Amino acid sequence: CNDDDTIEDLKKLVAAQTGTRVEKIRTQKWYNIYKDHITLKD
């Protein structure tokens, strides 16, 4: 993906590969849960 994509765009790409719904996916690193509207660059 691009670095100016949002976390929600990343979730859509993951959902297309895994077959799960976007609403069911949560991404995080350690204890930081990433919010959907913030970009990867941020």
PDB file of all heavy atoms in Angstrom:
ATOM      1  N   CYS A   1       0.845  -1.183   0.000  1.00  0.00           N
ATOM      2  CA  CYS A   1       0.000   0.000   0.000  1.00  0.00           C
ATOM      3  C   CYS A   1       0.888   1.243   0.000  1.00  0.00           C
ATOM      4  O   CYS A   1       2.107   1.153   0.118  1.00  0.00           O
ATOM      5  CB  CYS A   1      -0.945  -0.008   1.194  1.00  0.00           C
ATOM      6  SG  CYS A   1      -0.110  -0.116   2.770  1.00  0.00           S
ATOM      7  N   ASN A   2       0.269   2.393  -0.123  1.00  0.00           N
ATOM      8  CA  ASN A   2       0.998   3.664  -0.084  1.00  0.00           C
ATOM      9  C   ASN A   2       1.078   4.169   1.339  1.00  0.00           C
ATOM     10  O   ASN A   2       0.230   3.841   2.177  1.00  0.00           O
ATOM     11  CB  ASN A   2       0.305   4.708  -0.969  1.00  0.00           C
ATOM     12  CG  ASN A   2       0.343   4.323  -2.425  1.00  0.00           C
ATOM     13  OD1 ASN A   2       1.330   3.791  -2.911  1.00  0.00           O
ATOM     14  ND2 ASN A   2      -0.747   4.568  -3.120  1.00  0.00           N
ATOM     15  N   ASP A   3       2.066   5.009   1.615  1.00  0.00           N
ATOM     16  CA  ASP A   3       2.199   5.517   2.977  1.00  0.00           C
ATOM     17  C   ASP A   3       1.171   6.593   3.303  1.00  0.00           C
ATOM     18  O   ASP A   3       0.989   6.933   4.462  1.00  0.00           O
ATOM     19  CB  ASP A   3       3.617   6.020   3.244  1.00  0.00           C
ATOM     20  CG  ASP A   3       4.026   7.144   2.320  1.00  0.00           C
ATOM     21  OD1 ASP A   3       3.289   7.429   1.356  1.00  0.00           O
ATOM     22  OD2 ASP A   3       5.088   7.742   2.568  1.00  0.00           O
ATOM     23  N   ASP A   4       0.470   7.124   2.297  1.00  0.00           N
ATOM     24  CA  ASP A   4      -0.590   8.098   2.582  1.00  0.00           C
ATOM     25  C   ASP A   4      -1.969   7.444   2.666  1.00  0.00           C
ATOM     26  O   ASP A   4      -2.976   8.128   2.777  1.00  0.00           O
ATOM     27  CB  ASP A   4      -0.590   9.222   1.553  1.00  0.00           C
ATOM     28  CG  ASP A   4      -0.764   8.716   0.125  1.00  0.00           C
ATOM     29  OD1 ASP A   4      -0.631   7.500  -0.085  1.00  0.00           O
ATOM     30  OD2 ASP A   4      -1.031   9.544  -0.750  1.00  0.00           O
ATOM     31  N   ASP A   5      -2.026   6.110   2.641  1.00  0.00           N
ATOM     32  CA  ASP A   5      -3.280   5.392   2.856  1.00  0.00           C
ATOM     33  C   ASP A   5      -3.642   5.412   4.338  1.00  0.00           C
ATOM     34  O   ASP A   5      -2.773   5.484   5.195  1.00  0.00           O
ATOM     35  CB  ASP A   5      -3.162   3.936   2.406  1.00  0.00           C
ATOM     36  CG  ASP A   5      -3.142   3.797   0.894  1.00  0.00           C
ATOM     37  OD1 ASP A   5      -3.491   4.767   0.198  1.00  0.00           O
ATOM     38  OD2 ASP A   5      -2.768   2.717   0.426  1.00  0.00           O
ATOM     39  N   THR A   6      -4.930   5.323   4.617  1.00  0.00           N
ATOM     40  CA  THR A   6      -5.368   5.274   6.002  1.00  0.00           C
ATOM     41  C   THR A   6      -5.353   3.833   6.503  1.00  0.00           C
ATOM     42  O   THR A   6      -5.198   2.894   5.723  1.00  0.00           O
ATOM     43  CB  THR A   6      -6.789   5.854   6.147  1.00  0.00           C
ATOM     44  OG1 THR A   6      -7.682   5.067   5.367  1.00  0.00           O
ATOM     45  CG2 THR A   6      -6.844   7.295   5.695  1.00  0.00           C
ATOM     46  N   ILE A   7      -5.537   3.679   7.786  1.00  0.00           N
ATOM     47  CA  ILE A   7      -5.608   2.347   8.382  1.00  0.00           C
ATOM     48  C   ILE A   7      -6.824   1.594   7.845  1.00  0.00           C
ATOM     49  O   ILE A   7      -6.772   0.385   7.624  1.00  0.00           O
ATOM     50  CB  ILE A   7      -5.647   2.453   9.921  1.00  0.00           C
ATOM     51  CG1 ILE A   7      -4.360   3.074  10.457  1.00  0.00           C
ATOM     52  CG2 ILE A   7      -5.899   1.115  10.559  1.00  0.00           C
ATOM     53  CD1 ILE A   7      -3.132   2.209  10.275  1.00  0.00           C
ATOM     54  N   GLU A   8      -7.890   2.318   7.560  1.00  0.00           N
ATOM     55  CA  GLU A   8      -9.076   1.675   7.002  1.00  0.00           C
ATOM     56  C   GLU A   8      -8.790   1.119   5.608  1.00  0.00           C
ATOM     57  O   GLU A   8      -9.259   0.027   5.263  1.00  0.00           O
ATOM     58  CB  GLU A   8     -10.236   2.658   6.941  1.00  0.00           C
ATOM     59  CG  GLU A   8     -11.521   2.029   6.497  1.00  0.00           C
ATOM     60  CD  GLU A   8     -12.695   2.981   6.563  1.00  0.00           C
ATOM     61  OE1 GLU A   8     -12.494   4.177   6.769  1.00  0.00           O
ATOM     62  OE2 GLU A   8     -13.824   2.488   6.400  1.00  0.00           O
ATOM     63  N   ASP A   9      -7.998   1.827   4.802  1.00  0.00           N
ATOM     64  CA  ASP A   9      -7.602   1.303   3.492  1.00  0.00           C
ATOM     65  C   ASP A   9      -6.771   0.035   3.650  1.00  0.00           C
ATOM     66  O   ASP A   9      -6.928  -0.924   2.887  1.00  0.00           O
ATOM     67  CB  ASP A   9      -6.803   2.348   2.714  1.00  0.00           C
ATOM     68  CG  ASP A   9      -7.617   3.592   2.396  1.00  0.00           C
ATOM     69  OD1 ASP A   9      -8.850   3.482   2.316  1.00  0.00           O
ATOM     70  OD2 ASP A   9      -7.005   4.666   2.234  1.00  0.00           O
ATOM     71  N   LEU A  10      -5.890   0.034   4.642  1.00  0.00           N
ATOM     72  CA  LEU A  10      -5.084  -1.153   4.926  1.00  0.00           C
ATOM     73  C   LEU A  10      -5.971  -2.327   5.329  1.00  0.00           C
ATOM     74  O   LEU A  10      -5.773  -3.457   4.887  1.00  0.00           O
ATOM     75  CB  LEU A  10      -4.070  -0.832   6.022  1.00  0.00           C
ATOM     76  CG  LEU A  10      -3.220  -1.986   6.528  1.00  0.00           C
ATOM     77  CD1 LEU A  10      -2.242  -2.434   5.454  1.00  0.00           C
ATOM     78  CD2 LEU A  10      -2.479  -1.590   7.775  1.00  0.00           C
ATOM     79  N   LYS A  11      -6.979  -2.052   6.144  1.00  0.00           N
ATOM     80  CA  LYS A  11      -7.904  -3.099   6.574  1.00  0.00           C
ATOM     81  C   LYS A  11      -8.688  -3.661   5.395  1.00  0.00           C
ATOM     82  O   LYS A  11      -8.976  -4.856   5.343  1.00  0.00           O
ATOM     83  CB  LYS A  11      -8.877  -2.556   7.617  1.00  0.00           C
ATOM     84  CG  LYS A  11      -8.274  -2.354   8.978  1.00  0.00           C
ATOM     85  CD  LYS A  11      -9.350  -1.878   9.917  1.00  0.00           C
ATOM     86  CE  LYS A  11      -8.835  -1.635  11.301  1.00  0.00           C
ATOM     87  NZ  LYS A  11      -9.910  -1.209  12.206  1.00  0.00           N
ATOM     88  N   LYS A  12      -9.044  -2.817   4.431  1.00  0.00           N
ATOM     89  CA  LYS A  12      -9.770  -3.287   3.255  1.00  0.00           C
ATOM     90  C   LYS A  12      -8.907  -4.232   2.427  1.00  0.00           C
ATOM     91  O   LYS A  12      -9.393  -5.230   1.898  1.00  0.00           O
ATOM     92  CB  LYS A  12     -10.224  -2.106   2.406  1.00  0.00           C
ATOM     93  CG  LYS A  12     -11.343  -1.314   3.026  1.00  0.00           C
ATOM     94  CD  LYS A  12     -11.713  -0.121   2.179  1.00  0.00           C
ATOM     95  CE  LYS A  12     -12.775   0.721   2.858  1.00  0.00           C
ATOM     96  NZ  LYS A  12     -13.094   1.935   2.102  1.00  0.00           N
ATOM     97  N   LEU A  13      -7.613  -3.928   2.314  1.00  0.00           N
ATOM     98  CA  LEU A  13      -6.707  -4.809   1.582  1.00  0.00           C
ATOM     99  C   LEU A  13      -6.543  -6.147   2.298  1.00  0.00           C
ATOM    100  O   LEU A  13      -6.516  -7.206   1.664  1.00  0.00           O
ATOM    101  CB  LEU A  13      -5.349  -4.132   1.413  1.00  0.00           C
ATOM    102  CG  LEU A  13      -5.316  -2.905   0.511  1.00  0.00           C
ATOM    103  CD1 LEU A  13      -3.960  -2.229   0.601  1.00  0.00           C
ATOM    104  CD2 LEU A  13      -5.626  -3.294  -0.915  1.00  0.00           C
ATOM    105  N   VAL A  14      -6.450  -6.101   3.622  1.00  0.00           N
ATOM    106  CA  VAL A  14      -6.328  -7.330   4.403  1.00  0.00           C
ATOM    107  C   VAL A  14      -7.612  -8.147   4.308  1.00  0.00           C
ATOM    108  O   VAL A  14      -7.574  -9.378   4.169  1.00  0.00           O
ATOM    109  CB  VAL A  14      -5.980  -7.004   5.873  1.00  0.00           C
ATOM    110  CG1 VAL A  14      -6.067  -8.230   6.748  1.00  0.00           C
ATOM    111  CG2 VAL A  14      -4.604  -6.390   5.962  1.00  0.00           C
ATOM    112  N   ALA A  15      -8.749  -7.478   4.357  1.00  0.00           N
ATOM    113  CA  ALA A  15     -10.032  -8.181   4.275  1.00  0.00           C
ATOM    114  C   ALA A  15     -10.196  -8.862   2.921  1.00  0.00           C
ATOM    115  O   ALA A  15     -10.754  -9.957   2.836  1.00  0.00           O
ATOM    116  CB  ALA A  15     -11.172  -7.203   4.510  1.00  0.00           C
ATOM    117  N   ALA A  16      -9.689  -8.246   1.865  1.00  0.00           N
ATOM    118  CA  ALA A  16      -9.782  -8.862   0.537  1.00  0.00           C
ATOM    119  C   ALA A  16      -8.931 -10.125   0.459  1.00  0.00           C
ATOM    120  O   ALA A  16      -9.300 -11.084  -0.220  1.00  0.00           O
ATOM    121  CB  ALA A  16      -9.340  -7.864  -0.520  1.00  0.00           C
ATOM    122  N   GLN A  17      -7.822 -10.162   1.160  1.00  0.00           N
ATOM    123  CA  GLN A  17      -6.952 -11.337   1.118  1.00  0.00           C
ATOM    124  C   GLN A  17      -7.392 -12.445   2.067  1.00  0.00           C
ATOM    125  O   GLN A  17      -7.239 -13.618   1.762  1.00  0.00           O
ATOM    126  CB  GLN A  17      -5.508 -10.945   1.442  1.00  0.00           C
ATOM    127  CG  GLN A  17      -4.833 -10.203   0.332  1.00  0.00           C
ATOM    128  CD  GLN A  17      -3.347 -10.026   0.591  1.00  0.00           C
ATOM    129  OE1 GLN A  17      -2.795 -10.568   1.535  1.00  0.00           O
ATOM    130  NE2 GLN A  17      -2.717  -9.261  -0.262  1.00  0.00           N
ATOM    131  N   THR A  18      -7.934 -12.071   3.220  1.00  0.00           N
ATOM    132  CA  THR A  18      -8.289 -13.085   4.215  1.00  0.00           C
ATOM    133  C   THR A  18      -9.734 -13.545   4.120  1.00  0.00           C
ATOM    134  O   THR A  18     -10.065 -14.618   4.613  1.00  0.00           O
ATOM    135  CB  THR A  18      -8.037 -12.565   5.635  1.00  0.00           C
ATOM    136  OG1 THR A  18      -8.825 -11.388   5.850  1.00  0.00           O
ATOM    137  CG2 THR A  18      -6.565 -12.264   5.856  1.00  0.00           C
ATOM    138  N   GLY A  19     -10.606 -12.728   3.549  1.00  0.00           N
ATOM    139  CA  GLY A  19     -12.016 -13.103   3.458  1.00  0.00           C
ATOM    140  C   GLY A  19     -12.823 -12.711   4.668  1.00  0.00           C
ATOM    141  O   GLY A  19     -13.964 -13.136   4.797  1.00  0.00           O
ATOM    142  N   THR A  20     -12.271 -11.924   5.562  1.00  0.00           N
ATOM    143  CA  THR A  20     -13.029 -11.454   6.729  1.00  0.00           C
ATOM    144  C   THR A  20     -13.583 -10.067   6.447  1.00  0.00           C
ATOM    145  O   THR A  20     -13.115  -9.365   5.559  1.00  0.00           O
ATOM    146  CB  THR A  20     -12.146 -11.395   7.981  1.00  0.00           C
ATOM    147  OG1 THR A  20     -11.041 -10.545   7.718  1.00  0.00           O
ATOM    148  CG2 THR A  20     -11.652 -12.767   8.357  1.00  0.00           C
ATOM    149  N   ARG A  21     -14.570  -9.666   7.224  1.00  0.00           N
ATOM    150  CA  ARG A  21     -15.165  -8.345   7.038  1.00  0.00           C
ATOM    151  C   ARG A  21     -14.267  -7.274   7.641  1.00  0.00           C
ATOM    152  O   ARG A  21     -13.553  -7.521   8.616  1.00  0.00           O
ATOM    153  CB  ARG A  21     -16.544  -8.292   7.686  1.00  0.00           C
ATOM    154  CG  ARG A  21     -17.537  -9.192   6.967  1.00  0.00           C
ATOM    155  CD  ARG A  21     -18.904  -8.994   7.491  1.00  0.00           C
ATOM    156  NE  ARG A  21     -18.914  -9.263   8.941  1.00  0.00           N
ATOM    157  CZ  ARG A  21     -19.979  -9.138   9.698  1.00  0.00           C
ATOM    158  NH1 ARG A  21     -21.110  -8.764   9.191  1.00  0.00           N
ATOM    159  NH2 ARG A  21     -19.907  -9.402  10.985  1.00  0.00           N
ATOM    160  N   VAL A  22     -14.320  -6.090   7.079  1.00  0.00           N
ATOM    161  CA  VAL A  22     -13.471  -4.977   7.529  1.00  0.00           C
ATOM    162  C   VAL A  22     -13.789  -4.594   8.966  1.00  0.00           C
ATOM    163  O   VAL A  22     -12.891  -4.265   9.742  1.00  0.00           O
ATOM    164  CB  VAL A  22     -13.645  -3.767   6.585  1.00  0.00           C
ATOM    165  CG1 VAL A  22     -12.835  -2.588   7.052  1.00  0.00           C
ATOM    166  CG2 VAL A  22     -13.269  -4.125   5.168  1.00  0.00           C
ATOM    167  N   GLU A  23     -15.059  -4.667   9.344  1.00  0.00           N
ATOM    168  CA  GLU A  23     -15.463  -4.269  10.692  1.00  0.00           C
ATOM    169  C   GLU A  23     -14.893  -5.190  11.760  1.00  0.00           C
ATOM    170  O   GLU A  23     -14.772  -4.801  12.919  1.00  0.00           O
ATOM    171  CB  GLU A  23     -16.989  -4.252  10.826  1.00  0.00           C
ATOM    172  CG  GLU A  23     -17.697  -3.377   9.833  1.00  0.00           C
ATOM    173  CD  GLU A  23     -17.995  -4.092   8.527  1.00  0.00           C
ATOM    174  OE1 GLU A  23     -18.207  -5.319   8.541  1.00  0.00           O
ATOM    175  OE2 GLU A  23     -18.013  -3.426   7.492  1.00  0.00           O
ATOM    176  N   LYS A  24     -14.544  -6.410  11.390  1.00  0.00           N
ATOM    177  CA  LYS A  24     -14.045  -7.399  12.344  1.00  0.00           C
ATOM    178  C   LYS A  24     -12.538  -7.335  12.546  1.00  0.00           C
ATOM    179  O   LYS A  24     -12.004  -8.023  13.414  1.00  0.00           O
ATOM    180  CB  LYS A  24     -14.413  -8.809  11.866  1.00  0.00           C
ATOM    181  CG  LYS A  24     -15.887  -9.070  11.826  1.00  0.00           C
ATOM    182  CD  LYS A  24     -16.409  -9.270  13.206  1.00  0.00           C
ATOM    183  CE  LYS A  24     -17.868  -9.662  13.197  1.00  0.00           C
ATOM    184  NZ  LYS A  24     -18.377  -9.844  14.538  1.00  0.00           N
ATOM    185  N   ILE A  25     -11.829  -6.535  11.752  1.00  0.00           N
ATOM    186  CA  ILE A  25     -10.367  -6.510  11.803  1.00  0.00           C
ATOM    187  C   ILE A  25      -9.894  -5.369  12.698  1.00  0.00           C
ATOM    188  O   ILE A  25     -10.406  -4.250  12.615  1.00  0.00           O
ATOM    189  CB  ILE A  25      -9.786  -6.352  10.384  1.00  0.00           C
ATOM    190  CG1 ILE A  25     -10.129  -7.571   9.555  1.00  0.00           C
ATOM    191  CG2 ILE A  25      -8.284  -6.145  10.424  1.00  0.00           C
ATOM    192  CD1 ILE A  25      -9.730  -7.472   8.118  1.00  0.00           C
ATOM    193  N   ARG A  26      -8.918  -5.678  13.554  1.00  0.00           N
ATOM    194  CA  ARG A  26      -8.281  -4.659  14.395  1.00  0.00           C
ATOM    195  C   ARG A  26      -6.772  -4.794  14.220  1.00  0.00           C
ATOM    196  O   ARG A  26      -6.227  -5.878  14.330  1.00  0.00           O
ATOM    197  CB  ARG A  26      -8.662  -4.866  15.859  1.00  0.00           C
ATOM    198  CG  ARG A  26      -8.141  -3.764  16.761  1.00  0.00           C
ATOM    199  CD  ARG A  26      -8.574  -3.973  18.189  1.00  0.00           C
ATOM    200  NE  ARG A  26      -7.694  -4.973  18.795  1.00  0.00           N
ATOM    201  CZ  ARG A  26      -8.094  -5.925  19.633  1.00  0.00           C
ATOM    202  NH1 ARG A  26      -9.358  -6.030  19.944  1.00  0.00           N
ATOM    203  NH2 ARG A  26      -7.232  -6.773  20.152  1.00  0.00           N
ATOM    204  N   THR A  27      -6.104  -3.685  13.934  1.00  0.00           N
ATOM    205  CA  THR A  27      -4.646  -3.700  13.786  1.00  0.00           C
ATOM    206  C   THR A  27      -4.026  -2.954  14.960  1.00  0.00           C
ATOM    207  O   THR A  27      -4.543  -1.935  15.401  1.00  0.00           O
ATOM    208  CB  THR A  27      -4.202  -3.027  12.479  1.00  0.00           C
ATOM    209  OG1 THR A  27      -4.730  -1.712  12.423  1.00  0.00           O
ATOM    210  CG2 THR A  27      -4.675  -3.802  11.273  1.00  0.00           C
ATOM    211  N   GLN A  28      -2.918  -3.489  15.443  1.00  0.00           N
ATOM    212  CA  GLN A  28      -2.226  -2.828  16.539  1.00  0.00           C
ATOM    213  C   GLN A  28      -0.767  -3.250  16.559  1.00  0.00           C
ATOM    214  O   GLN A  28      -0.370  -4.196  15.897  1.00  0.00           O
ATOM    215  CB  GLN A  28      -2.892  -3.118  17.877  1.00  0.00           C
ATOM    216  CG  GLN A  28      -2.786  -4.529  18.376  1.00  0.00           C
ATOM    217  CD  GLN A  28      -3.541  -4.711  19.672  1.00  0.00           C
ATOM    218  OE1 GLN A  28      -4.713  -4.387  19.755  1.00  0.00           O
ATOM    219  NE2 GLN A  28      -2.868  -5.232  20.674  1.00  0.00           N
ATOM    220  N   LYS A  29       0.014  -2.510  17.300  1.00  0.00           N
ATOM    221  CA  LYS A  29       1.424  -2.805  17.528  1.00  0.00           C
ATOM    222  C   LYS A  29       1.634  -2.624  19.012  1.00  0.00           C
ATOM    223  O   LYS A  29       1.439  -1.547  19.544  1.00  0.00           O
ATOM    224  CB  LYS A  29       2.294  -1.852  16.706  1.00  0.00           C
ATOM    225  CG  LYS A  29       3.763  -2.055  16.836  1.00  0.00           C
ATOM    226  CD  LYS A  29       4.197  -3.252  16.028  1.00  0.00           C
ATOM    227  CE  LYS A  29       5.704  -3.264  15.935  1.00  0.00           C
ATOM    228  NZ  LYS A  29       6.159  -4.352  15.094  1.00  0.00           N
ATOM    229  N   TRP A  30       2.037  -3.688  19.697  1.00  0.00           N
ATOM    230  CA  TRP A  30       2.126  -3.724  21.148  1.00  0.00           C
ATOM    231  C   TRP A  30       0.777  -3.354  21.735  1.00  0.00           C
ATOM    232  O   TRP A  30      -0.186  -4.056  21.520  1.00  0.00           O
ATOM    233  CB  TRP A  30       3.251  -2.838  21.664  1.00  0.00           C
ATOM    234  CG  TRP A  30       4.604  -3.385  21.315  1.00  0.00           C
ATOM    235  CD1 TRP A  30       5.311  -3.110  20.174  1.00  0.00           C
ATOM    236  CD2 TRP A  30       5.384  -4.314  22.051  1.00  0.00           C
ATOM    237  NE1 TRP A  30       6.489  -3.820  20.174  1.00  0.00           N
ATOM    238  CE2 TRP A  30       6.563  -4.561  21.325  1.00  0.00           C
ATOM    239  CE3 TRP A  30       5.214  -4.969  23.252  1.00  0.00           C
ATOM    240  CZ2 TRP A  30       7.538  -5.427  21.764  1.00  0.00           C
ATOM    241  CZ3 TRP A  30       6.196  -5.821  23.693  1.00  0.00           C
ATOM    242  CH2 TRP A  30       7.342  -6.040  22.956  1.00  0.00           C
ATOM    243  N   TYR A  31       0.680  -2.230  22.420  1.00  0.00           N
ATOM    244  CA  TYR A  31      -0.595  -1.838  23.030  1.00  0.00           C
ATOM    245  C   TYR A  31      -1.270  -0.698  22.292  1.00  0.00           C
ATOM    246  O   TYR A  31      -2.304  -0.215  22.722  1.00  0.00           O
ATOM    247  CB  TYR A  31      -0.382  -1.447  24.495  1.00  0.00           C
ATOM    248  CG  TYR A  31       0.088  -2.609  25.329  1.00  0.00           C
ATOM    249  CD1 TYR A  31       1.403  -2.693  25.759  1.00  0.00           C
ATOM    250  CD2 TYR A  31      -0.780  -3.626  25.670  1.00  0.00           C
ATOM    251  CE1 TYR A  31       1.838  -3.769  26.517  1.00  0.00           C
ATOM    252  CE2 TYR A  31      -0.354  -4.706  26.428  1.00  0.00           C
ATOM    253  CZ  TYR A  31       0.959  -4.762  26.848  1.00  0.00           C
ATOM    254  OH  TYR A  31       1.374  -5.835  27.594  1.00  0.00           O
ATOM    255  N   ASN A  32      -0.702  -0.246  21.187  1.00  0.00           N
ATOM    256  CA  ASN A  32      -1.283   0.846  20.413  1.00  0.00           C
ATOM    257  C   ASN A  32      -2.274   0.292  19.404  1.00  0.00           C
ATOM    258  O   ASN A  32      -1.888  -0.384  18.463  1.00  0.00           O
ATOM    259  CB  ASN A  32      -0.198   1.619  19.668  1.00  0.00           C
ATOM    260  CG  ASN A  32       0.768   2.292  20.607  1.00  0.00           C
ATOM    261  OD1 ASN A  32       0.410   2.628  21.720  1.00  0.00           O
ATOM    262  ND2 ASN A  32       1.988   2.482  20.158  1.00  0.00           N
ATOM    263  N   ILE A  33      -3.544   0.585  19.603  1.00  0.00           N
ATOM    264  CA  ILE A  33      -4.576   0.194  18.649  1.00  0.00           C
ATOM    265  C   ILE A  33      -4.719   1.339  17.653  1.00  0.00           C
ATOM    266  O   ILE A  33      -4.949   2.479  18.037  1.00  0.00           O
ATOM    267  CB  ILE A  33      -5.917  -0.080  19.354  1.00  0.00           C
ATOM    268  CG1 ILE A  33      -5.754  -1.233  20.348  1.00  0.00           C
ATOM    269  CG2 ILE A  33      -6.995  -0.388  18.336  1.00  0.00           C
ATOM    270  CD1 ILE A  33      -6.969  -1.489  21.193  1.00  0.00           C
ATOM    271  N   TYR A  34      -4.552   1.003  16.369  1.00  0.00           N
ATOM    272  CA  TYR A  34      -4.561   2.031  15.330  1.00  0.00           C
ATOM    273  C   TYR A  34      -5.984   2.403  14.951  1.00  0.00           C
ATOM    274  O   TYR A  34      -6.830   1.540  14.738  1.00  0.00           O
ATOM    275  CB  TYR A  34      -3.791   1.543  14.112  1.00  0.00           C
ATOM    276  CG  TYR A  34      -2.318   1.345  14.374  1.00  0.00           C
ATOM    277  CD1 TYR A  34      -1.674   0.190  13.981  1.00  0.00           C
ATOM    278  CD2 TYR A  34      -1.574   2.320  15.025  1.00  0.00           C
ATOM    279  CE1 TYR A  34      -0.322   0.006  14.218  1.00  0.00           C
ATOM    280  CE2 TYR A  34      -0.236   2.144  15.264  1.00  0.00           C
ATOM    281  CZ  TYR A  34       0.387   0.990  14.863  1.00  0.00           C
ATOM    282  OH  TYR A  34       1.715   0.817  15.104  1.00  0.00           O
ATOM    283  N   LYS A  35      -6.235   3.707  14.842  1.00  0.00           N
ATOM    284  CA  LYS A  35      -7.552   4.227  14.482  1.00  0.00           C
ATOM    285  C   LYS A  35      -7.679   4.300  12.968  1.00  0.00           C
ATOM    286  O   LYS A  35      -6.709   4.511  12.253  1.00  0.00           O
ATOM    287  CB  LYS A  35      -7.753   5.591  15.113  1.00  0.00           C
ATOM    288  CG  LYS A  35      -7.613   5.556  16.623  1.00  0.00           C
ATOM    289  CD  LYS A  35      -8.263   6.760  17.236  1.00  0.00           C
ATOM    290  CE  LYS A  35      -8.058   6.842  18.717  1.00  0.00           C
ATOM    291  NZ  LYS A  35      -8.388   5.684  19.475  1.00  0.00           N
ATOM    292  N   ASP A  36      -8.899   4.140  12.470  1.00  0.00           N
ATOM    293  CA  ASP A  36      -9.142   3.987  11.036  1.00  0.00           C
ATOM    294  C   ASP A  36      -8.852   5.232  10.205  1.00  0.00           C
ATOM    295  O   ASP A  36      -8.455   5.127   9.063  1.00  0.00           O
ATOM    296  CB  ASP A  36     -10.589   3.560  10.792  1.00  0.00           C
ATOM    297  CG  ASP A  36     -10.842   2.136  11.201  1.00  0.00           C
ATOM    298  OD1 ASP A  36      -9.864   1.386  11.362  1.00  0.00           O
ATOM    299  OD2 ASP A  36     -12.015   1.761  11.348  1.00  0.00           O
ATOM    300  N   HIS A  37      -9.049   6.409  10.730  1.00  0.00           N
ATOM    301  CA  HIS A  37      -8.972   7.619   9.921  1.00  0.00           C
ATOM    302  C   HIS A  37      -7.566   8.219   9.835  1.00  0.00           C
ATOM    303  O   HIS A  37      -7.366   9.204   9.131  1.00  0.00           O
ATOM    304  CB  HIS A  37      -9.946   8.669  10.458  1.00  0.00           C
ATOM    305  CG  HIS A  37      -9.602   9.138  11.851  1.00  0.00           C
ATOM    306  ND1 HIS A  37      -9.933   8.399  12.962  1.00  0.00           N
ATOM    307  CD2 HIS A  37      -8.967  10.233  12.287  1.00  0.00           C
ATOM    308  CE1 HIS A  37      -9.508   9.037  14.037  1.00  0.00           C
ATOM    309  NE2 HIS A  37      -8.916  10.155  13.658  1.00  0.00           N
ATOM    310  N   ILE A  38      -6.586   7.646  10.494  1.00  0.00           N
ATOM    311  CA  ILE A  38      -5.228   8.195  10.519  1.00  0.00           C
ATOM    312  C   ILE A  38      -4.372   7.450   9.492  1.00  0.00           C
ATOM    313  O   ILE A  38      -4.499   6.238   9.318  1.00  0.00           O
ATOM    314  CB  ILE A  38      -4.642   8.092  11.939  1.00  0.00           C
ATOM    315  CG1 ILE A  38      -5.514   8.902  12.892  1.00  0.00           C
ATOM    316  CG2 ILE A  38      -3.205   8.603  11.965  1.00  0.00           C
ATOM    317  CD1 ILE A  38      -5.094   8.844  14.324  1.00  0.00           C
ATOM    318  N   THR A  39      -3.487   8.178   8.813  1.00  0.00           N
ATOM    319  CA  THR A  39      -2.682   7.580   7.745  1.00  0.00           C
ATOM    320  C   THR A  39      -1.495   6.810   8.324  1.00  0.00           C
ATOM    321  O   THR A  39      -1.112   6.987   9.475  1.00  0.00           O
ATOM    322  CB  THR A  39      -2.145   8.654   6.787  1.00  0.00           C
ATOM    323  OG1 THR A  39      -1.291   9.532   7.511  1.00  0.00           O
ATOM    324  CG2 THR A  39      -3.268   9.451   6.156  1.00  0.00           C
ATOM    325  N   LEU A  40      -0.926   5.956   7.474  1.00  0.00           N
ATOM    326  CA  LEU A  40       0.243   5.175   7.875  1.00  0.00           C
ATOM    327  C   LEU A  40       1.437   6.087   8.125  1.00  0.00           C
ATOM    328  O   LEU A  40       2.253   5.830   9.002  1.00  0.00           O
ATOM    329  CB  LEU A  40       0.577   4.153   6.795  1.00  0.00           C
ATOM    330  CG  LEU A  40      -0.505   3.133   6.463  1.00  0.00           C
ATOM    331  CD1 LEU A  40      -0.066   2.274   5.287  1.00  0.00           C
ATOM    332  CD2 LEU A  40      -0.818   2.278   7.651  1.00  0.00           C
ATOM    333  N   LYS A  41       1.539   7.165   7.360  1.00  0.00           N
ATOM    334  CA  LYS A  41       2.641   8.115   7.524  1.00  0.00           C
ATOM    335  C   LYS A  41       2.571   8.802   8.890  1.00  0.00           C
ATOM    336  O   LYS A  41       3.594   9.029   9.527  1.00  0.00           O
ATOM    337  CB  LYS A  41       2.595   9.163   6.416  1.00  0.00           C
ATOM    338  CG  LYS A  41       3.809  10.048   6.338  1.00  0.00           C
ATOM    339  CD  LYS A  41       3.683  11.184   5.326  1.00  0.00           C
ATOM    340  CE  LYS A  41       3.028  10.783   4.055  1.00  0.00           C
ATOM    341  NZ  LYS A  41       2.913  11.873   3.086  1.00  0.00           N
ATOM    342  N   ASP A  42       1.356   9.115   9.333  1.00  0.00           N
ATOM    343  CA  ASP A  42       1.192   9.762  10.643  1.00  0.00           C
ATOM    344  C   ASP A  42       1.581   8.829  11.784  1.00  0.00           C
ATOM    345  O   ASP A  42       2.082   9.277  12.813  1.00  0.00           O
ATOM    346  CB  ASP A  42      -0.250  10.235  10.831  1.00  0.00           C
ATOM    347  CG  ASP A  42      -0.611  11.378   9.907  1.00  0.00           C
ATOM    348  OD1 ASP A  42       0.313  12.074   9.427  1.00  0.00           O
ATOM    349  OD2 ASP A  42      -1.807  11.568   9.643  1.00  0.00           O
TER     350      ASP A  42
END
